[in-house]
Amino acid sequence: MMWDVLSNDEKNDVLLKLLVYMSQTDNVLNENEFSYLIYVCNNLKIDPEELRKFENVRDVEKDILPTSEQDRVNILYHLLFVMNSDDNVSVEEERAIYHLAFKLGFSEETTRDFIDLMKKYKLDELPPGSMLKIINKFQN
C-alpha cells in the first residue's frame, strides 16, 4: 500500500503512532512531550483521545511512510520536535531518530546534523531557518 492512497485519517494515524513511539523510546513520557502530542492533535483537529490507540506501540516497522519530500520532511520535523520537547536528547531517542530517518530516506549525515541541532538548542530557541538549511545543504 502506498502513502498516496491512504486517507487523511490514516496518514494522521501513522504520524501519531510514530510520535507516540518516539516519545516512549526513553521510557519516560515527559509533560512537555505529552504537550507536544496534544499540540499536534489540536493542529490536525484530532481528538487527543486518539493517542490512546498507540500508547502501547513498540513496533513501527510495517508502517507505510510517505515518498514525497514535503511529507517526509514534515514527519521528520515532528519526530525531532517531540524528541527535543523535554530539552533532553537521550541515546535511545537518537537511535530511534536514526532508524526512522533512514526509513524516511534521510542520510546518516543529514540525521546527524538534525540531532546535533536539537542537542544544541531548546525548541523555543531554534534559530529561524536552521532546519531548512540542513535540508537545503543535502539537496544540492
N, C-alpha and C. Protein backbone atom coordinates (compact mmCIF):
# COMPACT_ATOMS: atom_id res chain seq x y z
N MET A 1 0.84 -1.18 0.00
CA MET A 1 0.00 0.00 0.00
C MET A 1 0.89 1.25 0.00
N MET A 2 0.50 2.24 -0.76
CA MET A 2 1.30 3.45 -0.88
C MET A 2 0.67 4.59 -0.09
N TRP A 3 1.53 5.49 0.35
CA TRP A 3 1.11 6.63 1.15
C TRP A 3 -0.01 7.42 0.49
N ASP A 4 0.10 7.60 -0.81
CA ASP A 4 -0.87 8.43 -1.53
C ASP A 4 -2.28 7.88 -1.52
N VAL A 5 -2.44 6.58 -1.30
CA VAL A 5 -3.79 6.02 -1.28
C VAL A 5 -4.40 6.00 0.12
N LEU A 6 -3.60 6.38 1.12
CA LEU A 6 -4.13 6.46 2.48
C LEU A 6 -5.04 7.67 2.61
N SER A 7 -6.07 7.53 3.41
CA SER A 7 -6.93 8.67 3.72
C SER A 7 -6.18 9.62 4.65
N ASN A 8 -6.67 10.84 4.81
CA ASN A 8 -6.04 11.78 5.74
C ASN A 8 -6.04 11.23 7.16
N ASP A 9 -7.13 10.55 7.54
CA ASP A 9 -7.19 9.95 8.87
C ASP A 9 -6.11 8.89 9.04
N GLU A 10 -5.90 8.08 8.02
CA GLU A 10 -4.87 7.04 8.09
C GLU A 10 -3.47 7.66 8.15
N LYS A 11 -3.25 8.71 7.40
CA LYS A 11 -1.95 9.41 7.44
C LYS A 11 -1.73 10.02 8.82
N ASN A 12 -2.77 10.62 9.37
CA ASN A 12 -2.66 11.19 10.72
C ASN A 12 -2.37 10.11 11.76
N ASP A 13 -2.99 8.94 11.58
CA ASP A 13 -2.73 7.82 12.50
C ASP A 13 -1.26 7.40 12.44
N VAL A 14 -0.70 7.35 11.24
CA VAL A 14 0.71 6.99 11.10
C VAL A 14 1.58 8.02 11.82
N LEU A 15 1.30 9.29 11.59
CA LEU A 15 2.07 10.34 12.26
C LEU A 15 1.96 10.23 13.77
N LEU A 16 0.75 10.10 14.28
CA LEU A 16 0.57 9.99 15.74
C LEU A 16 1.27 8.76 16.30
N LYS A 17 1.16 7.66 15.59
CA LYS A 17 1.82 6.43 16.05
C LYS A 17 3.33 6.63 16.13
N LEU A 18 3.92 7.25 15.12
CA LEU A 18 5.36 7.50 15.13
C LEU A 18 5.76 8.44 16.26
N LEU A 19 4.94 9.46 16.48
CA LEU A 19 5.25 10.42 17.55
C LEU A 19 5.14 9.79 18.93
N VAL A 20 4.11 8.98 19.13
CA VAL A 20 3.98 8.29 20.42
C VAL A 20 5.14 7.31 20.60
N TYR A 21 5.46 6.59 19.54
CA TYR A 21 6.62 5.68 19.58
C TYR A 21 7.87 6.44 19.99
N MET A 22 8.10 7.58 19.34
CA MET A 22 9.29 8.39 19.64
C MET A 22 9.27 8.86 21.09
N SER A 23 8.12 9.28 21.57
CA SER A 23 8.03 9.80 22.94
C SER A 23 8.26 8.70 23.97
N GLN A 24 8.09 7.45 23.58
CA GLN A 24 8.25 6.34 24.52
C GLN A 24 9.63 5.68 24.47
N THR A 25 10.48 6.09 23.56
CA THR A 25 11.75 5.38 23.38
C THR A 25 12.66 5.45 24.59
N ASP A 26 12.57 6.52 25.36
CA ASP A 26 13.41 6.62 26.56
C ASP A 26 12.65 6.18 27.81
N ASN A 27 11.48 5.58 27.62
CA ASN A 27 10.64 5.04 28.70
C ASN A 27 10.14 6.10 29.67
N VAL A 28 10.17 7.36 29.25
CA VAL A 28 9.65 8.45 30.08
C VAL A 28 8.82 9.36 29.19
N LEU A 29 7.54 9.45 29.49
CA LEU A 29 6.69 10.40 28.77
C LEU A 29 6.65 11.68 29.60
N ASN A 30 7.51 12.58 29.23
CA ASN A 30 7.63 13.87 29.90
C ASN A 30 6.40 14.72 29.62
N GLU A 31 6.09 15.62 30.54
CA GLU A 31 4.95 16.52 30.38
C GLU A 31 5.04 17.33 29.09
N ASN A 32 6.25 17.79 28.75
CA ASN A 32 6.42 18.57 27.53
C ASN A 32 6.22 17.72 26.28
N GLU A 33 6.64 16.46 26.33
CA GLU A 33 6.40 15.55 25.21
C GLU A 33 4.89 15.35 25.02
N PHE A 34 4.21 15.13 26.12
CA PHE A 34 2.76 14.95 26.05
C PHE A 34 2.10 16.21 25.52
N SER A 35 2.55 17.36 25.96
CA SER A 35 2.01 18.63 25.47
C SER A 35 2.21 18.77 23.96
N TYR A 36 3.36 18.32 23.48
CA TYR A 36 3.60 18.39 22.04
C TYR A 36 2.64 17.46 21.29
N LEU A 37 2.40 16.28 21.83
CA LEU A 37 1.45 15.36 21.21
C LEU A 37 0.06 15.98 21.14
N ILE A 38 -0.34 16.64 22.21
CA ILE A 38 -1.64 17.32 22.24
C ILE A 38 -1.66 18.46 21.21
N TYR A 39 -0.57 19.19 21.14
CA TYR A 39 -0.44 20.27 20.16
C TYR A 39 -0.66 19.75 18.73
N VAL A 40 -0.03 18.63 18.40
CA VAL A 40 -0.19 18.04 17.07
C VAL A 40 -1.64 17.63 16.84
N CYS A 41 -2.24 16.99 17.84
CA CYS A 41 -3.65 16.61 17.72
C CYS A 41 -4.52 17.83 17.46
N ASN A 42 -4.31 18.88 18.20
CA ASN A 42 -5.10 20.09 18.02
C ASN A 42 -4.91 20.69 16.63
N ASN A 43 -3.66 20.71 16.15
CA ASN A 43 -3.40 21.25 14.81
C ASN A 43 -4.05 20.42 13.71
N LEU A 44 -4.11 19.11 13.92
CA LEU A 44 -4.72 18.22 12.94
C LEU A 44 -6.22 18.05 13.16
N LYS A 45 -6.73 18.73 14.17
CA LYS A 45 -8.15 18.64 14.54
C LYS A 45 -8.56 17.19 14.84
N ILE A 46 -7.70 16.55 15.64
CA ILE A 46 -7.92 15.17 16.07
C ILE A 46 -8.18 15.19 17.56
N ASP A 47 -9.14 14.40 17.99
CA ASP A 47 -9.41 14.26 19.42
C ASP A 47 -8.17 13.65 20.08
N PRO A 48 -7.58 14.31 21.08
CA PRO A 48 -6.39 13.78 21.75
C PRO A 48 -6.58 12.37 22.32
N GLU A 49 -7.82 11.98 22.53
CA GLU A 49 -8.09 10.61 23.00
C GLU A 49 -7.58 9.57 21.99
N GLU A 50 -7.44 9.98 20.74
CA GLU A 50 -6.92 9.08 19.70
C GLU A 50 -5.51 8.59 20.05
N LEU A 51 -4.78 9.35 20.84
CA LEU A 51 -3.43 8.95 21.24
C LEU A 51 -3.43 7.64 22.01
N ARG A 52 -4.52 7.35 22.69
CA ARG A 52 -4.62 6.11 23.47
C ARG A 52 -4.46 4.87 22.60
N LYS A 53 -4.85 4.97 21.33
CA LYS A 53 -4.73 3.83 20.42
C LYS A 53 -3.27 3.37 20.30
N PHE A 54 -2.35 4.28 20.56
CA PHE A 54 -0.94 3.99 20.31
C PHE A 54 -0.10 3.93 21.58
N GLU A 55 -0.74 3.95 22.74
CA GLU A 55 0.03 4.03 23.98
C GLU A 55 0.92 2.81 24.24
N ASN A 56 0.65 1.70 23.60
CA ASN A 56 1.49 0.51 23.79
C ASN A 56 2.26 0.13 22.53
N VAL A 57 2.43 1.08 21.64
CA VAL A 57 3.14 0.80 20.38
C VAL A 57 4.61 0.51 20.67
N ARG A 58 5.10 -0.57 20.09
CA ARG A 58 6.51 -0.94 20.27
C ARG A 58 7.19 -1.19 18.93
N ASP A 59 6.39 -1.18 17.85
CA ASP A 59 6.94 -1.53 16.55
C ASP A 59 6.33 -0.63 15.48
N VAL A 60 7.18 -0.06 14.66
CA VAL A 60 6.70 0.79 13.57
C VAL A 60 7.29 0.31 12.23
N GLU A 61 7.74 -0.91 12.21
CA GLU A 61 8.42 -1.46 11.03
C GLU A 61 7.52 -1.58 9.81
N LYS A 62 6.26 -1.87 10.01
CA LYS A 62 5.37 -2.14 8.88
C LYS A 62 4.55 -0.93 8.47
N ASP A 63 4.80 0.19 9.08
CA ASP A 63 4.03 1.38 8.74
C ASP A 63 4.39 1.88 7.35
N ILE A 64 3.39 2.37 6.67
CA ILE A 64 3.58 2.97 5.36
C ILE A 64 4.06 4.40 5.58
N LEU A 65 5.12 4.77 4.89
CA LEU A 65 5.67 6.11 5.04
C LEU A 65 5.62 6.84 3.69
N PRO A 66 5.60 8.15 3.75
CA PRO A 66 5.49 8.93 2.51
C PRO A 66 6.76 8.87 1.67
N THR A 67 6.59 9.18 0.39
CA THR A 67 7.74 9.25 -0.51
C THR A 67 8.02 10.68 -0.96
N SER A 68 7.03 11.55 -0.86
CA SER A 68 7.26 12.94 -1.28
C SER A 68 8.13 13.64 -0.24
N GLU A 69 8.99 14.49 -0.74
CA GLU A 69 9.93 15.17 0.16
C GLU A 69 9.20 15.99 1.22
N GLN A 70 8.18 16.71 0.84
CA GLN A 70 7.47 17.56 1.79
C GLN A 70 6.89 16.73 2.94
N ASP A 71 6.26 15.61 2.63
CA ASP A 71 5.67 14.76 3.67
C ASP A 71 6.75 14.11 4.53
N ARG A 72 7.84 13.69 3.91
CA ARG A 72 8.93 13.06 4.66
C ARG A 72 9.57 14.06 5.63
N VAL A 73 9.80 15.27 5.16
CA VAL A 73 10.39 16.32 6.00
C VAL A 73 9.43 16.68 7.12
N ASN A 74 8.15 16.78 6.81
CA ASN A 74 7.15 17.10 7.81
C ASN A 74 7.18 16.08 8.96
N ILE A 75 7.19 14.82 8.62
CA ILE A 75 7.22 13.78 9.66
C ILE A 75 8.51 13.84 10.44
N LEU A 76 9.65 13.99 9.75
CA LEU A 76 10.93 14.06 10.46
C LEU A 76 10.96 15.26 11.41
N TYR A 77 10.48 16.40 10.96
CA TYR A 77 10.44 17.58 11.83
C TYR A 77 9.64 17.29 13.10
N HIS A 78 8.47 16.69 12.94
CA HIS A 78 7.66 16.36 14.12
C HIS A 78 8.39 15.40 15.05
N LEU A 79 9.05 14.41 14.48
CA LEU A 79 9.81 13.45 15.30
C LEU A 79 10.92 14.16 16.07
N LEU A 80 11.61 15.05 15.40
CA LEU A 80 12.68 15.81 16.06
C LEU A 80 12.12 16.72 17.15
N PHE A 81 10.99 17.34 16.89
CA PHE A 81 10.39 18.23 17.88
C PHE A 81 9.95 17.46 19.12
N VAL A 82 9.33 16.31 18.94
CA VAL A 82 8.90 15.54 20.11
C VAL A 82 10.13 15.01 20.86
N MET A 83 11.18 14.66 20.13
CA MET A 83 12.41 14.20 20.76
C MET A 83 13.00 15.29 21.66
N ASN A 84 12.96 16.52 21.18
CA ASN A 84 13.61 17.62 21.89
C ASN A 84 12.66 18.39 22.81
N SER A 85 11.41 18.02 22.84
CA SER A 85 10.44 18.79 23.62
C SER A 85 10.74 18.79 25.12
N ASP A 86 11.44 17.77 25.61
CA ASP A 86 11.80 17.74 27.03
C ASP A 86 13.20 18.30 27.28
N ASP A 87 13.80 18.90 26.26
CA ASP A 87 15.14 19.51 26.35
C ASP A 87 16.22 18.51 26.72
N ASN A 88 15.97 17.24 26.40
CA ASN A 88 16.96 16.21 26.70
C ASN A 88 16.89 15.15 25.60
N VAL A 89 17.96 15.02 24.83
CA VAL A 89 18.01 14.03 23.76
C VAL A 89 18.78 12.83 24.29
N SER A 90 18.05 11.75 24.54
CA SER A 90 18.67 10.54 25.09
C SER A 90 19.29 9.69 23.97
N VAL A 91 20.14 8.78 24.35
CA VAL A 91 20.76 7.85 23.41
C VAL A 91 19.68 7.02 22.71
N GLU A 92 18.68 6.60 23.47
CA GLU A 92 17.58 5.81 22.89
C GLU A 92 16.83 6.62 21.84
N GLU A 93 16.61 7.88 22.13
CA GLU A 93 15.92 8.74 21.17
C GLU A 93 16.76 8.95 19.92
N GLU A 94 18.06 9.11 20.09
CA GLU A 94 18.94 9.25 18.94
C GLU A 94 18.86 8.02 18.05
N ARG A 95 18.92 6.84 18.66
CA ARG A 95 18.82 5.60 17.88
C ARG A 95 17.50 5.53 17.12
N ALA A 96 16.43 5.89 17.79
CA ALA A 96 15.11 5.85 17.15
C ALA A 96 15.05 6.84 15.99
N ILE A 97 15.59 8.03 16.17
CA ILE A 97 15.59 9.03 15.10
C ILE A 97 16.41 8.52 13.91
N TYR A 98 17.58 7.95 14.16
CA TYR A 98 18.37 7.41 13.06
C TYR A 98 17.57 6.37 12.28
N HIS A 99 16.95 5.48 13.02
CA HIS A 99 16.18 4.40 12.39
C HIS A 99 15.02 4.95 11.56
N LEU A 100 14.25 5.84 12.16
CA LEU A 100 13.08 6.38 11.46
C LEU A 100 13.49 7.29 10.31
N ALA A 101 14.54 8.08 10.50
CA ALA A 101 15.01 8.95 9.42
C ALA A 101 15.49 8.11 8.23
N PHE A 102 16.17 7.01 8.51
CA PHE A 102 16.62 6.13 7.44
C PHE A 102 15.41 5.56 6.70
N LYS A 103 14.38 5.14 7.45
CA LYS A 103 13.16 4.61 6.82
C LYS A 103 12.49 5.69 5.96
N LEU A 104 12.63 6.94 6.36
CA LEU A 104 12.05 8.04 5.59
C LEU A 104 12.93 8.46 4.41
N GLY A 105 14.14 7.89 4.34
CA GLY A 105 15.01 8.17 3.21
C GLY A 105 16.06 9.24 3.44
N PHE A 106 16.32 9.57 4.70
CA PHE A 106 17.33 10.58 5.00
C PHE A 106 18.67 9.91 5.28
N SER A 107 19.73 10.58 4.89
CA SER A 107 21.08 10.02 5.08
C SER A 107 21.50 10.13 6.55
N GLU A 108 22.52 9.36 6.88
CA GLU A 108 23.07 9.42 8.23
C GLU A 108 23.61 10.81 8.54
N GLU A 109 24.24 11.43 7.57
CA GLU A 109 24.82 12.76 7.77
C GLU A 109 23.74 13.81 8.02
N THR A 110 22.68 13.77 7.25
CA THR A 110 21.57 14.70 7.44
C THR A 110 20.97 14.51 8.83
N THR A 111 20.76 13.26 9.20
CA THR A 111 20.18 12.95 10.50
C THR A 111 21.09 13.42 11.62
N ARG A 112 22.39 13.21 11.48
CA ARG A 112 23.34 13.67 12.49
C ARG A 112 23.25 15.18 12.65
N ASP A 113 23.18 15.90 11.56
CA ASP A 113 23.07 17.37 11.64
C ASP A 113 21.80 17.79 12.39
N PHE A 114 20.70 17.11 12.12
CA PHE A 114 19.46 17.43 12.83
C PHE A 114 19.58 17.12 14.32
N ILE A 115 20.13 15.99 14.66
CA ILE A 115 20.29 15.62 16.08
C ILE A 115 21.19 16.63 16.78
N ASP A 116 22.29 16.98 16.13
CA ASP A 116 23.20 17.97 16.73
C ASP A 116 22.50 19.31 16.95
N LEU A 117 21.67 19.71 16.01
CA LEU A 117 20.91 20.95 16.16
C LEU A 117 19.96 20.86 17.35
N MET A 118 19.28 19.74 17.48
CA MET A 118 18.34 19.55 18.60
C MET A 118 19.06 19.51 19.94
N LYS A 119 20.26 18.99 19.96
CA LYS A 119 21.02 18.94 21.21
C LYS A 119 21.55 20.32 21.59
N LYS A 120 21.78 21.14 20.59
CA LYS A 120 22.36 22.47 20.82
C LYS A 120 21.33 23.49 21.30
N TYR A 121 20.08 23.36 20.83
CA TYR A 121 19.06 24.37 21.12
C TYR A 121 17.81 23.74 21.72
N LYS A 122 17.18 24.48 22.61
CA LYS A 122 15.83 24.14 23.03
C LYS A 122 14.90 24.50 21.88
N LEU A 123 13.72 23.87 21.85
CA LEU A 123 12.81 24.11 20.73
C LEU A 123 12.48 25.58 20.54
N ASP A 124 12.25 26.28 21.64
CA ASP A 124 11.86 27.69 21.51
C ASP A 124 13.05 28.59 21.22
N GLU A 125 14.26 28.01 21.15
CA GLU A 125 15.46 28.80 20.84
C GLU A 125 16.06 28.45 19.48
N LEU A 126 15.42 27.53 18.75
CA LEU A 126 15.93 27.15 17.43
C LEU A 126 16.01 28.38 16.53
N PRO A 127 17.17 28.62 15.93
CA PRO A 127 17.27 29.76 15.02
C PRO A 127 16.34 29.57 13.82
N PRO A 128 15.64 30.63 13.43
CA PRO A 128 14.75 30.53 12.27
C PRO A 128 15.51 30.02 11.05
N GLY A 129 14.93 29.08 10.36
CA GLY A 129 15.53 28.57 9.14
C GLY A 129 16.64 27.55 9.33
N SER A 130 17.00 27.25 10.58
CA SER A 130 18.13 26.34 10.82
C SER A 130 17.86 24.93 10.31
N MET A 131 16.63 24.48 10.43
CA MET A 131 16.31 23.13 9.94
C MET A 131 16.24 23.12 8.42
N LEU A 132 15.72 24.17 7.85
CA LEU A 132 15.65 24.27 6.39
C LEU A 132 17.06 24.30 5.78
N LYS A 133 17.99 24.94 6.47
CA LYS A 133 19.38 24.99 5.98
C LYS A 133 19.96 23.59 5.87
N ILE A 134 19.63 22.73 6.81
CA ILE A 134 20.13 21.35 6.77
C ILE A 134 19.55 20.62 5.56
N ILE A 135 18.25 20.77 5.35
CA ILE A 135 17.62 20.13 4.19
C ILE A 135 18.24 20.65 2.90
N ASN A 136 18.38 21.96 2.79
CA ASN A 136 18.94 22.56 1.57
C ASN A 136 20.38 22.13 1.34
N LYS A 137 21.13 21.97 2.39
CA LYS A 137 22.55 21.56 2.30
C LYS A 137 22.68 20.23 1.58
N PHE A 138 21.74 19.32 1.82
CA PHE A 138 21.86 17.99 1.26
C PHE A 138 21.07 17.81 -0.04
N GLN A 139 20.37 18.85 -0.47
CA GLN A 139 19.66 18.77 -1.75
C GLN A 139 20.57 19.12 -2.91
N ASN A 140 21.59 19.89 -2.65
CA ASN A 140 22.48 20.36 -3.73
C ASN A 140 23.46 19.32 -4.15
